[in-house]
Amino acid sequence: MTETTQGILLTYLFDNFEVGNRKENNQLKNASRKKMMAVINRDMVDIEELKLDIFADYQRAYDELSHLTDEAYEQEREEILGWEPTEEIIF
């Protein structure tokens, strides 16, 4: 999984990802691969309508998730949920 896709998933899996204030998104932290793809697809419609330059990144993330098995997605999701924020800016 690319860093871009991991970063996009991070924005869905956490409501807040700051040092000392890490909060998981209770509605999406256990979302299946198909549910996450549906959420990303819904947001892609808005991103495309607004002509935001992040559309290609979201399209790539969606495509990447579509090629993962459910098990591989769950492993990636659990890895991301195990991340801890640092003072460094990752993206």
C-alpha atoms as a PDB file:
ATOM      1  CA  MET A   1       0.000   0.000   0.000  1.00  0.00           C
ATOM      2  CA  THR A   2       1.383   3.406  -0.924  1.00  0.00           C
ATOM      3  CA  GLU A   3       2.037   6.127   1.628  1.00  0.00           C
ATOM      4  CA  THR A   4      -0.641   8.237  -0.046  1.00  0.00           C
ATOM      5  CA  THR A   5      -3.257   5.539   0.466  1.00  0.00           C
ATOM      6  CA  GLN A   6      -2.126   5.014   4.051  1.00  0.00           C
ATOM      7  CA  GLY A   7      -2.404   8.762   4.649  1.00  0.00           C
ATOM      8  CA  ILE A   8      -5.909   8.882   3.224  1.00  0.00           C
ATOM      9  CA  LEU A   9      -6.968   5.923   5.360  1.00  0.00           C
ATOM     10  CA  LEU A  10      -5.461   7.637   8.389  1.00  0.00           C
ATOM     11  CA  THR A  11      -7.776  10.614   7.847  1.00  0.00           C
ATOM     12  CA  TYR A  12     -10.783   8.277   7.949  1.00  0.00           C
ATOM     13  CA  LEU A  13      -9.616   6.029  10.790  1.00  0.00           C
ATOM     14  CA  PHE A  14      -8.851   8.876  13.195  1.00  0.00           C
ATOM     15  CA  ASP A  15     -10.845  11.927  14.241  1.00  0.00           C
ATOM     16  CA  ASN A  16      -7.662  13.435  15.654  1.00  0.00           C
ATOM     17  CA  PHE A  17      -4.047  12.362  15.187  1.00  0.00           C
ATOM     18  CA  GLU A  18      -1.907  14.731  17.213  1.00  0.00           C
ATOM     19  CA  VAL A  19       0.659  14.078  19.923  1.00  0.00           C
ATOM     20  CA  GLY A  20      -1.265  13.780  23.169  1.00  0.00           C
ATOM     21  CA  ASN A  21      -4.620  13.832  21.396  1.00  0.00           C
ATOM     22  CA  ARG A  22      -4.974  10.647  19.333  1.00  0.00           C
ATOM     23  CA  LYS A  23      -8.636   9.725  18.834  1.00  0.00           C
ATOM     24  CA  GLU A  24      -9.913   6.901  16.647  1.00  0.00           C
ATOM     25  CA  ASN A  25     -13.032   7.368  14.544  1.00  0.00           C
ATOM     26  CA  ASN A  26     -15.518   5.010  16.219  1.00  0.00           C
ATOM     27  CA  GLN A  27     -17.688   4.735  13.112  1.00  0.00           C
ATOM     28  CA  LEU A  28     -14.884   3.804  10.710  1.00  0.00           C
ATOM     29  CA  LYS A  29     -12.159   2.128  12.771  1.00  0.00           C
ATOM     30  CA  ASN A  30     -13.744  -1.298  12.173  1.00  0.00           C
ATOM     31  CA  ALA A  31     -15.074  -0.594   8.687  1.00  0.00           C
ATOM     32  CA  SER A  32     -14.738  -3.361   6.132  1.00  0.00           C
ATOM     33  CA  ARG A  33     -12.803  -2.811   2.923  1.00  0.00           C
ATOM     34  CA  LYS A  34     -16.053  -2.416   0.961  1.00  0.00           C
ATOM     35  CA  LYS A  35     -17.440   0.101   3.462  1.00  0.00           C
ATOM     36  CA  MET A  36     -14.227   2.141   3.327  1.00  0.00           C
ATOM     37  CA  MET A  37     -14.308   2.054  -0.478  1.00  0.00           C
ATOM     38  CA  ALA A  38     -17.907   3.325  -0.402  1.00  0.00           C
ATOM     39  CA  VAL A  39     -16.938   6.190   1.913  1.00  0.00           C
ATOM     40  CA  ILE A  40     -13.971   7.138  -0.280  1.00  0.00           C
ATOM     41  CA  ASN A  41     -16.110   6.898  -3.425  1.00  0.00           C
ATOM     42  CA  ARG A  42     -18.741   9.203  -1.903  1.00  0.00           C
ATOM     43  CA  ASP A  43     -16.065  11.747  -1.037  1.00  0.00           C
ATOM     44  CA  MET A  44     -14.539  11.443  -4.514  1.00  0.00           C
ATOM     45  CA  VAL A  45     -17.804  12.721  -5.995  1.00  0.00           C
ATOM     46  CA  ASP A  46     -17.541  15.878  -3.880  1.00  0.00           C
ATOM     47  CA  ILE A  47     -13.814  16.235  -4.572  1.00  0.00           C
ATOM     48  CA  GLU A  48     -14.412  15.964  -8.320  1.00  0.00           C
ATOM     49  CA  GLU A  49     -17.271  18.480  -8.260  1.00  0.00           C
ATOM     50  CA  LEU A  50     -15.092  20.939  -6.359  1.00  0.00           C
ATOM     51  CA  LYS A  51     -12.221  20.275  -8.795  1.00  0.00           C
ATOM     52  CA  LEU A  52      -9.764  19.716  -5.952  1.00  0.00           C
ATOM     53  CA  ASP A  53      -6.267  18.625  -6.899  1.00  0.00           C
ATOM     54  CA  ILE A  54      -6.433  15.638  -4.522  1.00  0.00           C
ATOM     55  CA  PHE A  55      -8.860  13.702  -6.737  1.00  0.00           C
ATOM     56  CA  ALA A  56      -6.096  11.604  -8.318  1.00  0.00           C
ATOM     57  CA  ASP A  57      -4.807  10.606  -4.873  1.00  0.00           C
ATOM     58  CA  TYR A  58      -8.261   9.473  -3.774  1.00  0.00           C
ATOM     59  CA  GLN A  59      -8.792   7.641  -7.065  1.00  0.00           C
ATOM     60  CA  ARG A  60      -5.463   5.849  -6.575  1.00  0.00           C
ATOM     61  CA  ALA A  61      -6.395   4.920  -2.991  1.00  0.00           C
ATOM     62  CA  TYR A  62      -9.775   3.612  -4.145  1.00  0.00           C
ATOM     63  CA  ASP A  63      -8.139   1.560  -6.900  1.00  0.00           C
ATOM     64  CA  GLU A  64      -5.543   0.219  -4.493  1.00  0.00           C
ATOM     65  CA  LEU A  65      -8.201  -0.875  -2.009  1.00  0.00           C
ATOM     66  CA  SER A  66     -10.184  -2.539  -4.779  1.00  0.00           C
ATOM     67  CA  HIS A  67      -7.216  -4.815  -5.510  1.00  0.00           C
ATOM     68  CA  LEU A  68      -6.595  -5.832  -1.885  1.00  0.00           C
ATOM     69  CA  THR A  69      -8.148  -8.884  -0.307  1.00  0.00           C
ATOM     70  CA  ASP A  70     -10.305  -8.250   2.736  1.00  0.00           C
ATOM     71  CA  GLU A  71      -7.615  -9.874   4.871  1.00  0.00           C
ATOM     72  CA  ALA A  72      -4.843  -7.672   3.451  1.00  0.00           C
ATOM     73  CA  TYR A  73      -6.982  -4.571   4.022  1.00  0.00           C
ATOM     74  CA  GLU A  74      -7.665  -5.599   7.619  1.00  0.00           C
ATOM     75  CA  GLN A  75      -3.925  -6.056   8.234  1.00  0.00           C
ATOM     76  CA  GLU A  76      -3.174  -2.598   6.805  1.00  0.00           C
ATOM     77  CA  ARG A  77      -6.027  -1.051   8.796  1.00  0.00           C
ATOM     78  CA  GLU A  78      -4.791  -2.608  12.046  1.00  0.00           C
ATOM     79  CA  GLU A  79      -1.242  -1.435  11.321  1.00  0.00           C
ATOM     80  CA  ILE A  80      -2.436   2.149  10.783  1.00  0.00           C
ATOM     81  CA  LEU A  81      -4.603   2.006  13.913  1.00  0.00           C
ATOM     82  CA  GLY A  82      -1.455   1.044  15.814  1.00  0.00           C
ATOM     83  CA  TRP A  83       0.425   4.150  14.725  1.00  0.00           C
ATOM     84  CA  GLU A  84       1.233   6.811  17.275  1.00  0.00           C
ATOM     85  CA  PRO A  85       1.520  10.493  16.328  1.00  0.00           C
ATOM     86  CA  THR A  86       4.914  12.132  16.583  1.00  0.00           C
ATOM     87  CA  GLU A  87       6.048  15.728  16.575  1.00  0.00           C
ATOM     88  CA  GLU A  88       7.241  15.198  13.004  1.00  0.00           C
ATOM     89  CA  ILE A  89       4.952  16.097  10.153  1.00  0.00           C
ATOM     90  CA  ILE A  90       4.536  12.902   8.137  1.00  0.00           C
ATOM     91  CA  PHE A  91       2.802  14.358   5.073  1.00  0.00           C
END
